[in-house]
């Protein structure tokens, strides 16, 4: 019986050791997605502008261009599939170790606010960074498996797919992955995907789910508590979305009303001249690197003009 118990203990210890080796390798990446997560969740930062939201924020706000035009020091903490609920947890996790920014640009996907989801896309990506307690508790409030993922290797290791293992190997060997160079200060420059090839998009309605509305309010309250100048935006979409979204005007008015009530600015950039250029988009909702360059340049100039020169330091 003692031998069996000993084998079980050794097996569990081995699982913890193997998992930690994988996680350390992931945290060793010096560029790309996992370097971004290392920066956001584990490093001490002093950026004065943050861009926040989903993959649309991550792909649309080019931090290099924004910094070159405005003279600011920005970082993009947008993550794939982030609803306001998820984005809020990412923001809190960032501020756990880093100085609060002067400005927070929160990009809202008004076509996507109707889903009060309780799942986190690509959730194994975050396992190596759950040593940030705010991240752990925040994501566990969305997906109650997260504490088990942290403390139980029998639960988390089966999700360590080939991509996580490859990321760990790249970290240990200090060899950049193929797409690592597409990242700059959190922004990802998408150049290796085709542009839109179809004009068809089924008509649909959107609305603001109560859960997502509550977390937009949470972001607003958090920003005010930290003396952060919050700006709500909606970044570009391809022109066909404008006709396919049957209640777009109502959604925009709802967001304007929400922003006005909270005394924060909201700017709708979802449809401008760039929205008519197929070559600027990889799909209906995401711009490629060329489109992001054009949009960020316009946004940066708008940012400078909107905020008083004595405020933007």
C-alpha atoms as a PDB file:
ATOM      1  CA  UNK A   1       0.000   0.000   0.000  1.00  0.00           C
ATOM      2  CA  UNK A   2       2.841   2.404   0.875  1.00  0.00           C
ATOM      3  CA  UNK A   3       4.446   1.713  -2.492  1.00  0.00           C
ATOM      4  CA  UNK A   4       1.221   2.601  -4.307  1.00  0.00           C
ATOM      5  CA  UNK A   5       0.876   5.832  -2.340  1.00  0.00           C
ATOM      6  CA  UNK A   6       4.525   6.654  -3.072  1.00  0.00           C
ATOM      7  CA  UNK A   7       4.013   6.078  -6.808  1.00  0.00           C
ATOM      8  CA  UNK A   8       0.913   8.275  -6.799  1.00  0.00           C
ATOM      9  CA  UNK A   9       2.744  11.076  -4.990  1.00  0.00           C
ATOM     10  CA  UNK A  10       5.701  10.816  -7.375  1.00  0.00           C
ATOM     11  CA  UNK A  11       3.340  10.851 -10.360  1.00  0.00           C
ATOM     12  CA  UNK A  12       1.592  14.000  -9.147  1.00  0.00           C
ATOM     13  CA  UNK A  13       4.913  15.705  -8.381  1.00  0.00           C
ATOM     14  CA  UNK A  14       6.102  14.793 -11.880  1.00  0.00           C
ATOM     15  CA  UNK A  15       2.965  16.322 -13.396  1.00  0.00           C
ATOM     16  CA  UNK A  16       3.545  19.566 -11.510  1.00  0.00           C
ATOM     17  CA  UNK A  17       7.188  19.592 -12.624  1.00  0.00           C
ATOM     18  CA  UNK A  18       6.347  18.950 -16.286  1.00  0.00           C
ATOM     19  CA  UNK A  19       3.673  21.622 -16.240  1.00  0.00           C
ATOM     20  CA  UNK A  20       5.986  24.175 -14.635  1.00  0.00           C
ATOM     21  CA  UNK A  21       8.658  23.478 -17.248  1.00  0.00           C
ATOM     22  CA  UNK A  22       6.070  24.175 -19.960  1.00  0.00           C
ATOM     23  CA  UNK A  23       4.914  27.376 -18.273  1.00  0.00           C
ATOM     24  CA  UNK A  24       8.422  28.705 -17.647  1.00  0.00           C
ATOM     25  CA  UNK A  25       9.214  28.170 -21.335  1.00  0.00           C
ATOM     26  CA  UNK A  26       6.097  30.079 -22.345  1.00  0.00           C
ATOM     27  CA  UNK A  27       7.048  32.970 -20.058  1.00  0.00           C
ATOM     28  CA  UNK A  28      10.551  33.035 -21.579  1.00  0.00           C
ATOM     29  CA  UNK A  29       9.247  34.200 -24.973  1.00  0.00           C
ATOM     30  CA  UNK A  30      10.728  37.611 -25.772  1.00  0.00           C
ATOM     31  CA  UNK A  31       8.339  38.535 -28.581  1.00  0.00           C
ATOM     32  CA  UNK A  32       4.874  37.730 -29.843  1.00  0.00           C
ATOM     33  CA  UNK A  33       1.665  36.814 -28.057  1.00  0.00           C
ATOM     34  CA  UNK A  34       3.221  35.339 -24.913  1.00  0.00           C
ATOM     35  CA  UNK A  35       5.623  38.228 -24.483  1.00  0.00           C
ATOM     36  CA  UNK A  36       2.516  40.444 -24.650  1.00  0.00           C
ATOM     37  CA  UNK A  37       0.833  38.421 -21.890  1.00  0.00           C
ATOM     38  CA  UNK A  38       4.036  38.558 -19.858  1.00  0.00           C
ATOM     39  CA  UNK A  39       3.989  42.347 -20.183  1.00  0.00           C
ATOM     40  CA  UNK A  40       0.292  42.749 -19.408  1.00  0.00           C
ATOM     41  CA  UNK A  41      -0.001  40.317 -16.502  1.00  0.00           C
ATOM     42  CA  UNK A  42       3.421  39.988 -14.894  1.00  0.00           C
ATOM     43  CA  UNK A  43       5.554  43.073 -15.579  1.00  0.00           C
ATOM     44  CA  UNK A  44       5.553  46.537 -14.030  1.00  0.00           C
ATOM     45  CA  UNK A  45       4.714  49.072 -16.723  1.00  0.00           C
ATOM     46  CA  UNK A  46       4.302  52.823 -17.001  1.00  0.00           C
ATOM     47  CA  UNK A  47       2.419  53.348 -20.272  1.00  0.00           C
ATOM     48  CA  UNK A  48       0.349  56.519 -20.386  1.00  0.00           C
ATOM     49  CA  UNK A  49      -2.134  55.208 -22.985  1.00  0.00           C
ATOM     50  CA  UNK A  50      -3.788  51.785 -23.129  1.00  0.00           C
ATOM     51  CA  UNK A  51      -5.923  50.409 -25.948  1.00  0.00           C
ATOM     52  CA  UNK A  52      -8.390  47.833 -24.658  1.00  0.00           C
ATOM     53  CA  UNK A  53     -11.022  45.521 -26.128  1.00  0.00           C
ATOM     54  CA  UNK A  54     -11.242  42.458 -28.322  1.00  0.00           C
ATOM     55  CA  UNK A  55      -9.154  41.329 -31.295  1.00  0.00           C
ATOM     56  CA  UNK A  56     -10.576  44.352 -33.133  1.00  0.00           C
ATOM     57  CA  UNK A  57      -8.751  46.622 -30.707  1.00  0.00           C
ATOM     58  CA  UNK A  58      -5.670  44.406 -30.899  1.00  0.00           C
ATOM     59  CA  UNK A  59      -5.610  44.573 -34.714  1.00  0.00           C
ATOM     60  CA  UNK A  60      -6.838  48.133 -35.325  1.00  0.00           C
ATOM     61  CA  UNK A  61      -4.776  50.398 -33.032  1.00  0.00           C
ATOM     62  CA  UNK A  62      -1.168  50.419 -34.194  1.00  0.00           C
ATOM     63  CA  UNK A  63       0.825  51.553 -31.165  1.00  0.00           C
ATOM     64  CA  UNK A  64       3.944  52.445 -33.175  1.00  0.00           C
ATOM     65  CA  UNK A  65       2.008  54.861 -35.380  1.00  0.00           C
ATOM     66  CA  UNK A  66       0.015  56.298 -32.479  1.00  0.00           C
ATOM     67  CA  UNK A  67       3.195  56.957 -30.488  1.00  0.00           C
ATOM     68  CA  UNK A  68       5.000  58.520 -33.457  1.00  0.00           C
ATOM     69  CA  UNK A  69       2.152  60.980 -34.111  1.00  0.00           C
ATOM     70  CA  UNK A  70       1.114  61.850 -30.555  1.00  0.00           C
ATOM     71  CA  UNK A  71       4.420  61.489 -28.707  1.00  0.00           C
ATOM     72  CA  UNK A  72       2.663  59.243 -26.183  1.00  0.00           C
ATOM     73  CA  UNK A  73       3.837  55.865 -24.853  1.00  0.00           C
ATOM     74  CA  UNK A  74       1.032  53.393 -25.556  1.00  0.00           C
ATOM     75  CA  UNK A  75       0.353  49.684 -25.231  1.00  0.00           C
ATOM     76  CA  UNK A  76      -2.444  47.541 -26.673  1.00  0.00           C
ATOM     77  CA  UNK A  77      -3.986  45.122 -24.135  1.00  0.00           C
ATOM     78  CA  UNK A  78      -6.750  43.951 -26.479  1.00  0.00           C
ATOM     79  CA  UNK A  79      -7.277  40.169 -26.447  1.00  0.00           C
ATOM     80  CA  UNK A  80      -9.127  37.812 -28.765  1.00  0.00           C
ATOM     81  CA  UNK A  81     -12.816  37.367 -27.969  1.00  0.00           C
ATOM     82  CA  UNK A  82     -12.852  39.907 -25.147  1.00  0.00           C
ATOM     83  CA  UNK A  83     -16.329  41.037 -24.208  1.00  0.00           C
ATOM     84  CA  UNK A  84     -16.505  43.971 -21.739  1.00  0.00           C
ATOM     85  CA  UNK A  85     -16.593  41.375 -18.951  1.00  0.00           C
ATOM     86  CA  UNK A  86     -13.298  39.836 -20.071  1.00  0.00           C
ATOM     87  CA  UNK A  87     -11.699  43.173 -20.986  1.00  0.00           C
ATOM     88  CA  UNK A  88     -12.439  44.475 -17.482  1.00  0.00           C
ATOM     89  CA  UNK A  89     -10.615  41.530 -15.895  1.00  0.00           C
ATOM     90  CA  UNK A  90      -7.636  42.056 -18.201  1.00  0.00           C
ATOM     91  CA  UNK A  91      -7.524  45.752 -17.252  1.00  0.00           C
ATOM     92  CA  UNK A  92      -7.656  44.994 -13.517  1.00  0.00           C
ATOM     93  CA  UNK A  93      -4.948  42.353 -13.925  1.00  0.00           C
ATOM     94  CA  UNK A  94      -2.733  44.839 -15.754  1.00  0.00           C
ATOM     95  CA  UNK A  95      -3.199  47.444 -13.015  1.00  0.00           C
ATOM     96  CA  UNK A  96      -2.327  44.857 -10.352  1.00  0.00           C
ATOM     97  CA  UNK A  97       1.362  45.418 -11.101  1.00  0.00           C
ATOM     98  CA  UNK A  98       1.479  48.448 -13.388  1.00  0.00           C
ATOM     99  CA  UNK A  99       0.822  52.145 -13.007  1.00  0.00           C
ATOM    100  CA  UNK A 100      -2.633  53.179 -14.197  1.00  0.00           C
ATOM    101  CA  UNK A 101      -2.505  54.909 -17.599  1.00  0.00           C
ATOM    102  CA  UNK A 102      -3.432  58.533 -18.201  1.00  0.00           C
ATOM    103  CA  UNK A 103      -5.755  57.537 -21.067  1.00  0.00           C
ATOM    104  CA  UNK A 104      -7.730  54.346 -21.702  1.00  0.00           C
ATOM    105  CA  UNK A 105      -9.177  53.797 -25.194  1.00  0.00           C
ATOM    106  CA  UNK A 106     -11.911  51.170 -24.797  1.00  0.00           C
ATOM    107  CA  UNK A 107     -13.061  49.862 -28.181  1.00  0.00           C
ATOM    108  CA  UNK A 108     -16.624  48.522 -28.018  1.00  0.00           C
ATOM    109  CA  UNK A 109     -17.911  45.913 -30.464  1.00  0.00           C
ATOM    110  CA  UNK A 110     -21.539  47.040 -30.559  1.00  0.00           C
ATOM    111  CA  UNK A 111     -22.373  44.257 -33.008  1.00  0.00           C
ATOM    112  CA  UNK A 112     -21.186  41.746 -30.374  1.00  0.00           C
ATOM    113  CA  UNK A 113     -22.616  43.090 -27.099  1.00  0.00           C
ATOM    114  CA  UNK A 114     -25.686  40.839 -27.179  1.00  0.00           C
ATOM    115  CA  UNK A 115     -23.739  37.805 -25.949  1.00  0.00           C
ATOM    116  CA  UNK A 116     -23.363  37.509 -22.174  1.00  0.00           C
ATOM    117  CA  UNK A 117     -20.796  34.761 -22.569  1.00  0.00           C
ATOM    118  CA  UNK A 118     -19.224  32.875 -19.688  1.00  0.00           C
ATOM    119  CA  UNK A 119     -16.391  31.320 -21.681  1.00  0.00           C
ATOM    120  CA  UNK A 120     -12.925  32.666 -22.490  1.00  0.00           C
ATOM    121  CA  UNK A 121     -11.621  32.048 -25.992  1.00  0.00           C
ATOM    122  CA  UNK A 122      -8.306  30.212 -26.245  1.00  0.00           C
ATOM    123  CA  UNK A 123      -8.299  29.935 -22.442  1.00  0.00           C
ATOM    124  CA  UNK A 124      -5.190  27.677 -22.180  1.00  0.00           C
ATOM    125  CA  UNK A 125      -3.116  30.627 -23.379  1.00  0.00           C
ATOM    126  CA  UNK A 126      -3.542  32.207 -19.954  1.00  0.00           C
ATOM    127  CA  UNK A 127      -2.504  29.222 -17.803  1.00  0.00           C
ATOM    128  CA  UNK A 128       1.156  30.255 -17.520  1.00  0.00           C
ATOM    129  CA  UNK A 129       0.126  33.683 -16.201  1.00  0.00           C
ATOM    130  CA  UNK A 130      -2.294  32.676 -13.453  1.00  0.00           C
ATOM    131  CA  UNK A 131       0.359  33.566 -10.884  1.00  0.00           C
ATOM    132  CA  UNK A 132      -1.278  36.988 -11.224  1.00  0.00           C
ATOM    133  CA  UNK A 133      -3.949  36.531  -8.544  1.00  0.00           C
ATOM    134  CA  UNK A 134      -6.170  39.242  -9.996  1.00  0.00           C
ATOM    135  CA  UNK A 135      -6.181  37.453 -13.343  1.00  0.00           C
ATOM    136  CA  UNK A 136      -6.879  34.125 -11.658  1.00  0.00           C
ATOM    137  CA  UNK A 137      -9.780  35.418  -9.586  1.00  0.00           C
ATOM    138  CA  UNK A 138     -11.177  37.537 -12.396  1.00  0.00           C
ATOM    139  CA  UNK A 139     -11.185  34.753 -14.966  1.00  0.00           C
ATOM    140  CA  UNK A 140     -12.474  32.296 -12.373  1.00  0.00           C
ATOM    141  CA  UNK A 141     -15.469  34.598 -11.881  1.00  0.00           C
ATOM    142  CA  UNK A 142     -16.223  34.067 -15.585  1.00  0.00           C
ATOM    143  CA  UNK A 143     -15.208  30.411 -15.918  1.00  0.00           C
ATOM    144  CA  UNK A 144     -15.228  28.557 -12.595  1.00  0.00           C
ATOM    145  CA  UNK A 145     -12.685  26.006 -13.852  1.00  0.00           C
ATOM    146  CA  UNK A 146      -9.783  28.447 -13.653  1.00  0.00           C
ATOM    147  CA  UNK A 147      -8.762  27.788 -10.047  1.00  0.00           C
ATOM    148  CA  UNK A 148      -8.799  24.092 -10.819  1.00  0.00           C
ATOM    149  CA  UNK A 149      -6.703  24.779 -13.901  1.00  0.00           C
ATOM    150  CA  UNK A 150      -4.117  26.493 -11.720  1.00  0.00           C
ATOM    151  CA  UNK A 151      -3.937  24.014  -8.865  1.00  0.00           C
ATOM    152  CA  UNK A 152      -4.744  20.709 -10.568  1.00  0.00           C
ATOM    153  CA  UNK A 153      -2.325  19.597 -13.309  1.00  0.00           C
ATOM    154  CA  UNK A 154      -4.636  16.682 -14.128  1.00  0.00           C
ATOM    155  CA  UNK A 155      -7.167  19.295 -15.205  1.00  0.00           C
ATOM    156  CA  UNK A 156      -4.889  21.765 -17.002  1.00  0.00           C
ATOM    157  CA  UNK A 157      -2.307  19.540 -18.717  1.00  0.00           C
ATOM    158  CA  UNK A 158      -4.795  17.870 -21.093  1.00  0.00           C
ATOM    159  CA  UNK A 159      -5.380  21.352 -22.566  1.00  0.00           C
ATOM    160  CA  UNK A 160      -1.660  21.894 -23.182  1.00  0.00           C
ATOM    161  CA  UNK A 161      -1.940  21.340 -26.908  1.00  0.00           C
ATOM    162  CA  UNK A 162       0.823  21.371 -29.491  1.00  0.00           C
ATOM    163  CA  UNK A 163       0.689  25.169 -29.753  1.00  0.00           C
ATOM    164  CA  UNK A 164       1.428  25.631 -26.055  1.00  0.00           C
ATOM    165  CA  UNK A 165       4.181  23.053 -26.200  1.00  0.00           C
ATOM    166  CA  UNK A 166       5.658  24.740 -29.270  1.00  0.00           C
ATOM    167  CA  UNK A 167       5.490  28.132 -27.540  1.00  0.00           C
ATOM    168  CA  UNK A 168       7.315  26.681 -24.541  1.00  0.00           C
ATOM    169  CA  UNK A 169       9.995  25.167 -26.764  1.00  0.00           C
ATOM    170  CA  UNK A 170      10.483  28.487 -28.564  1.00  0.00           C
ATOM    171  CA  UNK A 171      10.913  30.152 -25.189  1.00  0.00           C
ATOM    172  CA  UNK A 172      13.432  27.663 -23.851  1.00  0.00           C
ATOM    173  CA  UNK A 173      15.464  27.709 -27.084  1.00  0.00           C
ATOM    174  CA  UNK A 174      15.112  31.485 -27.517  1.00  0.00           C
ATOM    175  CA  UNK A 175      13.882  31.005 -31.090  1.00  0.00           C
ATOM    176  CA  UNK A 176      11.173  33.412 -32.307  1.00  0.00           C
ATOM    177  CA  UNK A 177       7.979  31.904 -33.699  1.00  0.00           C
ATOM    178  CA  UNK A 178       6.914  32.732 -37.258  1.00  0.00           C
ATOM    179  CA  UNK A 179       4.356  35.383 -36.252  1.00  0.00           C
ATOM    180  CA  UNK A 180       6.239  36.925 -33.312  1.00  0.00           C
ATOM    181  CA  UNK A 181       7.450  39.849 -35.395  1.00  0.00           C
ATOM    182  CA  UNK A 182       3.857  40.836 -36.175  1.00  0.00           C
ATOM    183  CA  UNK A 183       3.501  42.132 -32.586  1.00  0.00           C
ATOM    184  CA  UNK A 184       4.577  45.568 -31.415  1.00  0.00           C
ATOM    185  CA  UNK A 185       3.622  46.807 -27.951  1.00  0.00           C
ATOM    186  CA  UNK A 186       0.524  44.622 -27.935  1.00  0.00           C
ATOM    187  CA  UNK A 187      -0.665  45.503 -31.446  1.00  0.00           C
ATOM    188  CA  UNK A 188      -0.664  42.671 -33.975  1.00  0.00           C
ATOM    189  CA  UNK A 189      -0.023  43.583 -37.596  1.00  0.00           C
ATOM    190  CA  UNK A 190      -1.968  41.042 -39.636  1.00  0.00           C
ATOM    191  CA  UNK A 191      -0.463  40.727 -43.113  1.00  0.00           C
ATOM    192  CA  UNK A 192      -0.587  36.983 -43.778  1.00  0.00           C
ATOM    193  CA  UNK A 193      -4.352  36.553 -44.185  1.00  0.00           C
ATOM    194  CA  UNK A 194      -6.453  37.053 -47.299  1.00  0.00           C
ATOM    195  CA  UNK A 195      -8.767  40.025 -47.619  1.00  0.00           C
ATOM    196  CA  UNK A 196     -12.547  39.668 -47.891  1.00  0.00           C
ATOM    197  CA  UNK A 197     -13.597  37.522 -50.823  1.00  0.00           C
ATOM    198  CA  UNK A 198     -17.399  37.664 -50.413  1.00  0.00           C
ATOM    199  CA  UNK A 199     -19.854  40.521 -50.185  1.00  0.00           C
ATOM    200  CA  UNK A 200     -22.658  38.493 -48.587  1.00  0.00           C
ATOM    201  CA  UNK A 201     -23.568  39.026 -44.938  1.00  0.00           C
ATOM    202  CA  UNK A 202     -26.842  37.848 -43.386  1.00  0.00           C
ATOM    203  CA  UNK A 203     -28.998  40.589 -41.783  1.00  0.00           C
ATOM    204  CA  UNK A 204     -29.032  40.626 -37.985  1.00  0.00           C
ATOM    205  CA  UNK A 205     -29.985  42.612 -34.877  1.00  0.00           C
ATOM    206  CA  UNK A 206     -27.820  43.447 -31.899  1.00  0.00           C
ATOM    207  CA  UNK A 207     -28.488  44.674 -28.362  1.00  0.00           C
ATOM    208  CA  UNK A 208     -26.647  45.265 -25.107  1.00  0.00           C
ATOM    209  CA  UNK A 209     -26.826  42.232 -22.832  1.00  0.00           C
ATOM    210  CA  UNK A 210     -27.341  43.212 -19.147  1.00  0.00           C
ATOM    211  CA  UNK A 211     -24.120  41.467 -18.145  1.00  0.00           C
ATOM    212  CA  UNK A 212     -22.069  43.351 -20.712  1.00  0.00           C
ATOM    213  CA  UNK A 213     -23.754  46.640 -19.789  1.00  0.00           C
ATOM    214  CA  UNK A 214     -22.836  46.025 -16.152  1.00  0.00           C
ATOM    215  CA  UNK A 215     -19.188  45.480 -17.076  1.00  0.00           C
ATOM    216  CA  UNK A 216     -19.052  48.568 -19.276  1.00  0.00           C
ATOM    217  CA  UNK A 217     -20.225  50.401 -16.155  1.00  0.00           C
ATOM    218  CA  UNK A 218     -17.513  48.589 -14.168  1.00  0.00           C
ATOM    219  CA  UNK A 219     -14.827  49.826 -16.576  1.00  0.00           C
ATOM    220  CA  UNK A 220     -16.189  53.373 -16.305  1.00  0.00           C
ATOM    221  CA  UNK A 221     -16.216  53.241 -12.493  1.00  0.00           C
ATOM    222  CA  UNK A 222     -12.741  51.680 -12.361  1.00  0.00           C
ATOM    223  CA  UNK A 223     -11.337  54.357 -14.675  1.00  0.00           C
ATOM    224  CA  UNK A 224     -12.799  57.139 -12.547  1.00  0.00           C
ATOM    225  CA  UNK A 225     -11.460  55.546  -9.360  1.00  0.00           C
ATOM    226  CA  UNK A 226      -7.953  55.533 -10.875  1.00  0.00           C
ATOM    227  CA  UNK A 227      -8.223  59.019 -12.420  1.00  0.00           C
ATOM    228  CA  UNK A 228      -7.944  57.528 -15.904  1.00  0.00           C
ATOM    229  CA  UNK A 229      -9.300  59.540 -18.836  1.00  0.00           C
ATOM    230  CA  UNK A 230     -11.597  56.986 -20.475  1.00  0.00           C
ATOM    231  CA  UNK A 231     -12.525  57.191 -24.160  1.00  0.00           C
ATOM    232  CA  UNK A 232     -15.104  54.821 -25.674  1.00  0.00           C
ATOM    233  CA  UNK A 233     -14.733  54.067 -29.372  1.00  0.00           C
ATOM    234  CA  UNK A 234     -16.020  51.773 -32.067  1.00  0.00           C
ATOM    235  CA  UNK A 235     -13.351  51.023 -34.656  1.00  0.00           C
ATOM    236  CA  UNK A 236     -13.853  50.335 -38.396  1.00  0.00           C
ATOM    237  CA  UNK A 237     -15.921  47.577 -39.972  1.00  0.00           C
ATOM    238  CA  UNK A 238     -16.378  46.741 -43.633  1.00  0.00           C
ATOM    239  CA  UNK A 239     -19.226  48.653 -45.294  1.00  0.00           C
ATOM    240  CA  UNK A 240     -21.578  45.647 -45.661  1.00  0.00           C
ATOM    241  CA  UNK A 241     -22.023  45.438 -41.889  1.00  0.00           C
ATOM    242  CA  UNK A 242     -23.730  48.843 -41.982  1.00  0.00           C
ATOM    243  CA  UNK A 243     -26.625  47.453 -44.051  1.00  0.00           C
ATOM    244  CA  UNK A 244     -26.654  43.986 -42.485  1.00  0.00           C
ATOM    245  CA  UNK A 245     -27.016  45.287 -38.930  1.00  0.00           C
ATOM    246  CA  UNK A 246     -30.677  46.237 -38.944  1.00  0.00           C
ATOM    247  CA  UNK A 247     -30.686  48.347 -35.765  1.00  0.00           C
ATOM    248  CA  UNK A 248     -27.255  49.941 -36.020  1.00  0.00           C
ATOM    249  CA  UNK A 249     -28.599  53.471 -35.414  1.00  0.00           C
ATOM    250  CA  UNK A 250     -30.336  52.338 -32.257  1.00  0.00           C
ATOM    251  CA  UNK A 251     -27.158  50.683 -30.944  1.00  0.00           C
ATOM    252  CA  UNK A 252     -25.080  53.791 -31.596  1.00  0.00           C
ATOM    253  CA  UNK A 253     -27.666  55.954 -29.847  1.00  0.00           C
ATOM    254  CA  UNK A 254     -27.678  53.559 -26.884  1.00  0.00           C
ATOM    255  CA  UNK A 255     -23.906  53.854 -26.557  1.00  0.00           C
ATOM    256  CA  UNK A 256     -24.038  57.639 -26.909  1.00  0.00           C
ATOM    257  CA  UNK A 257     -26.671  57.772 -24.168  1.00  0.00           C
ATOM    258  CA  UNK A 258     -24.623  55.462 -21.930  1.00  0.00           C
ATOM    259  CA  UNK A 259     -21.505  57.575 -22.461  1.00  0.00           C
ATOM    260  CA  UNK A 260     -23.303  60.877 -21.908  1.00  0.00           C
ATOM    261  CA  UNK A 261     -24.833  59.612 -18.659  1.00  0.00           C
ATOM    262  CA  UNK A 262     -21.394  58.588 -17.435  1.00  0.00           C
ATOM    263  CA  UNK A 263     -19.754  61.777 -18.700  1.00  0.00           C
ATOM    264  CA  UNK A 264     -17.242  59.969 -20.904  1.00  0.00           C
ATOM    265  CA  UNK A 265     -16.715  60.597 -24.635  1.00  0.00           C
ATOM    266  CA  UNK A 266     -17.820  58.064 -27.245  1.00  0.00           C
ATOM    267  CA  UNK A 267     -16.574  58.242 -30.836  1.00  0.00           C
ATOM    268  CA  UNK A 268     -17.958  56.099 -33.622  1.00  0.00           C
ATOM    269  CA  UNK A 269     -15.301  55.353 -36.256  1.00  0.00           C
ATOM    270  CA  UNK A 270     -17.040  52.215 -37.499  1.00  0.00           C
ATOM    271  CA  UNK A 271     -17.786  53.546 -40.975  1.00  0.00           C
ATOM    272  CA  UNK A 272     -15.545  56.023 -42.762  1.00  0.00           C
ATOM    273  CA  UNK A 273     -13.929  56.153 -46.198  1.00  0.00           C
ATOM    274  CA  UNK A 274     -11.675  53.221 -45.240  1.00  0.00           C
ATOM    275  CA  UNK A 275     -14.736  51.006 -44.713  1.00  0.00           C
ATOM    276  CA  UNK A 276     -15.264  50.914 -48.489  1.00  0.00           C
ATOM    277  CA  UNK A 277     -11.838  49.416 -49.184  1.00  0.00           C
ATOM    278  CA  UNK A 278     -11.861  45.614 -49.275  1.00  0.00           C
ATOM    279  CA  UNK A 279      -8.082  45.649 -49.276  1.00  0.00           C
ATOM    280  CA  UNK A 280      -8.077  47.089 -45.746  1.00  0.00           C
ATOM    281  CA  UNK A 281      -9.892  44.115 -44.171  1.00  0.00           C
ATOM    282  CA  UNK A 282      -9.256  40.438 -43.525  1.00  0.00           C
ATOM    283  CA  UNK A 283     -12.950  39.908 -42.748  1.00  0.00           C
ATOM    284  CA  UNK A 284     -16.019  42.058 -42.121  1.00  0.00           C
ATOM    285  CA  UNK A 285     -14.910  43.103 -38.631  1.00  0.00           C
ATOM    286  CA  UNK A 286     -11.094  43.057 -38.675  1.00  0.00           C
ATOM    287  CA  UNK A 287      -8.645  45.301 -40.522  1.00  0.00           C
ATOM    288  CA  UNK A 288      -5.342  44.074 -41.868  1.00  0.00           C
ATOM    289  CA  UNK A 289      -2.047  45.856 -41.255  1.00  0.00           C
ATOM    290  CA  UNK A 290      -2.562  48.306 -44.115  1.00  0.00           C
ATOM    291  CA  UNK A 291      -6.042  49.262 -42.916  1.00  0.00           C
ATOM    292  CA  UNK A 292      -4.854  49.601 -39.325  1.00  0.00           C
ATOM    293  CA  UNK A 293      -2.104  51.954 -40.450  1.00  0.00           C
ATOM    294  CA  UNK A 294      -4.607  54.233 -42.211  1.00  0.00           C
ATOM    295  CA  UNK A 295      -7.118  54.155 -39.353  1.00  0.00           C
ATOM    296  CA  UNK A 296      -4.569  54.660 -36.567  1.00  0.00           C
ATOM    297  CA  UNK A 297      -3.092  57.647 -38.367  1.00  0.00           C
ATOM    298  CA  UNK A 298      -6.541  59.245 -38.565  1.00  0.00           C
ATOM    299  CA  UNK A 299      -7.371  58.334 -34.975  1.00  0.00           C
ATOM    300  CA  UNK A 300      -4.065  59.708 -33.680  1.00  0.00           C
ATOM    301  CA  UNK A 301      -4.653  63.091 -35.309  1.00  0.00           C
ATOM    302  CA  UNK A 302      -8.193  63.143 -33.940  1.00  0.00           C
ATOM    303  CA  UNK A 303      -6.868  62.260 -30.470  1.00  0.00           C
ATOM    304  CA  UNK A 304      -4.411  65.157 -30.597  1.00  0.00           C
ATOM    305  CA  UNK A 305      -7.046  67.622 -31.743  1.00  0.00           C
ATOM    306  CA  UNK A 306      -9.693  66.497 -29.261  1.00  0.00           C
ATOM    307  CA  UNK A 307      -7.584  66.670 -26.116  1.00  0.00           C
ATOM    308  CA  UNK A 308      -6.114  69.950 -25.007  1.00  0.00           C
ATOM    309  CA  UNK A 309      -2.362  70.184 -25.526  1.00  0.00           C
ATOM    310  CA  UNK A 310      -1.945  70.921 -21.826  1.00  0.00           C
ATOM    311  CA  UNK A 311      -3.656  67.608 -21.034  1.00  0.00           C
ATOM    312  CA  UNK A 312      -1.689  65.397 -23.408  1.00  0.00           C
ATOM    313  CA  UNK A 313       1.786  65.280 -21.904  1.00  0.00           C
END
